[in-house]
């Protein structure tokens, strides 16, 4: 993971390009249908909503995931994003 966020186009990047590509490839392997640009924007939102609870140990994991599921439109798609990160590098 990058120590600092870098501005790339319209989105902020938490990860380097190689890792982002691995996440996206895993998302597609899991049956995801969003294009890469949409995936990256949604991934940024996923990180914003869940990083404190899952990585920093601050906050409630279940509550952060409920917010994520609401944002993304459902549990199945929400879990696809979570797994795309967790399967590649262990999000928790």
Protein backbone atom coordinates (compact mmCIF):
# COMPACT_ATOMS: atom_id res chain seq x y z
CA UNK A 1 0.00 0.00 0.00
CA UNK A 2 1.20 3.50 -0.69
CA UNK A 3 2.07 5.65 2.30
CA UNK A 4 0.52 8.71 0.68
CA UNK A 5 -2.42 9.13 -1.65
CA UNK A 6 -1.63 10.27 -5.15
CA UNK A 7 -4.02 12.15 -7.40
CA UNK A 8 -4.63 10.29 -10.67
CA UNK A 9 -7.28 11.74 -12.96
CA UNK A 10 -10.57 12.10 -11.12
CA UNK A 11 -9.81 9.60 -8.37
CA UNK A 12 -7.40 9.21 -5.50
CA UNK A 13 -5.22 6.13 -5.54
CA UNK A 14 -4.50 4.19 -2.36
CA UNK A 15 -2.40 1.56 -4.14
CA UNK A 16 0.23 1.38 -6.86
CA UNK A 17 -0.84 0.54 -10.42
CA UNK A 18 0.40 -3.04 -10.35
CA UNK A 19 -1.58 -3.86 -7.21
CA UNK A 20 -4.67 -2.07 -8.55
CA UNK A 21 -4.49 -4.24 -11.68
CA UNK A 22 -4.25 -7.39 -9.56
CA UNK A 23 -7.33 -6.29 -7.59
CA UNK A 24 -9.24 -5.59 -10.79
CA UNK A 25 -8.21 -8.93 -12.35
CA UNK A 26 -9.43 -10.73 -9.23
CA UNK A 27 -12.70 -8.78 -9.34
CA UNK A 28 -13.28 -9.92 -12.93
CA UNK A 29 -12.30 -13.50 -12.02
CA UNK A 30 -14.95 -13.37 -9.26
CA UNK A 31 -17.59 -12.46 -11.84
CA UNK A 32 -17.49 -8.67 -11.57
CA UNK A 33 -18.84 -6.76 -14.55
CA UNK A 34 -17.82 -3.15 -13.85
CA UNK A 35 -15.22 -1.65 -16.17
CA UNK A 36 -11.86 -0.72 -14.66
CA UNK A 37 -12.64 2.99 -14.30
CA UNK A 38 -15.89 2.25 -12.43
CA UNK A 39 -14.17 -0.41 -10.36
CA UNK A 40 -11.42 2.01 -9.30
CA UNK A 41 -13.88 4.74 -8.31
CA UNK A 42 -15.93 2.23 -6.33
CA UNK A 43 -12.80 0.74 -4.78
CA UNK A 44 -11.82 4.18 -3.49
CA UNK A 45 -15.24 4.47 -1.85
CA UNK A 46 -14.91 0.95 -0.43
CA UNK A 47 -11.59 1.89 1.17
CA UNK A 48 -12.98 5.15 2.55
CA UNK A 49 -15.94 3.36 4.16
CA UNK A 50 -14.11 0.34 5.56
CA UNK A 51 -10.41 1.00 6.16
CA UNK A 52 -10.75 2.23 9.73
CA UNK A 53 -12.78 -0.78 10.83
CA UNK A 54 -10.85 -3.46 8.95
CA UNK A 55 -7.28 -2.20 8.83
CA UNK A 56 -6.86 0.41 11.56
CA UNK A 57 -8.97 -1.35 14.19
CA UNK A 58 -11.17 1.69 14.76
CA UNK A 59 -14.89 1.41 14.25
CA UNK A 60 -17.30 -1.42 13.70
CA UNK A 61 -16.75 -3.81 10.78
CA UNK A 62 -20.39 -4.79 10.36
CA UNK A 63 -21.55 -1.16 10.34
CA UNK A 64 -18.93 -0.17 7.78
CA UNK A 65 -19.92 -3.07 5.53
CA UNK A 66 -23.61 -2.14 5.76
CA UNK A 67 -22.69 1.35 4.51
CA UNK A 68 -20.62 -0.21 1.72
CA UNK A 69 -23.42 -2.59 0.67
CA UNK A 70 -25.85 0.32 0.55
CA UNK A 71 -23.45 2.36 -1.59
CA UNK A 72 -22.68 -0.45 -4.05
CA UNK A 73 -26.24 -1.75 -4.26
CA UNK A 74 -26.09 -5.15 -2.60
CA UNK A 75 -24.23 -7.78 -0.65
CA UNK A 76 -23.13 -9.93 -3.59
CA UNK A 77 -21.44 -7.08 -5.46
CA UNK A 78 -20.12 -5.63 -2.22
CA UNK A 79 -18.49 -8.92 -1.30
CA UNK A 80 -16.98 -9.17 -4.78
CA UNK A 81 -15.11 -5.92 -4.14
CA UNK A 82 -14.06 -6.99 -0.64
CA UNK A 83 -12.83 -10.35 -1.92
CA UNK A 84 -10.98 -8.75 -4.85
CA UNK A 85 -8.79 -6.95 -2.33
CA UNK A 86 -8.70 -9.57 0.42
CA UNK A 87 -7.84 -12.46 -1.93
CA UNK A 88 -4.89 -10.55 -3.38
CA UNK A 89 -3.36 -8.97 -0.32
CA UNK A 90 -5.35 -9.68 2.82
CA UNK A 91 -7.48 -6.65 3.69
CA UNK A 92 -8.02 -7.63 7.30
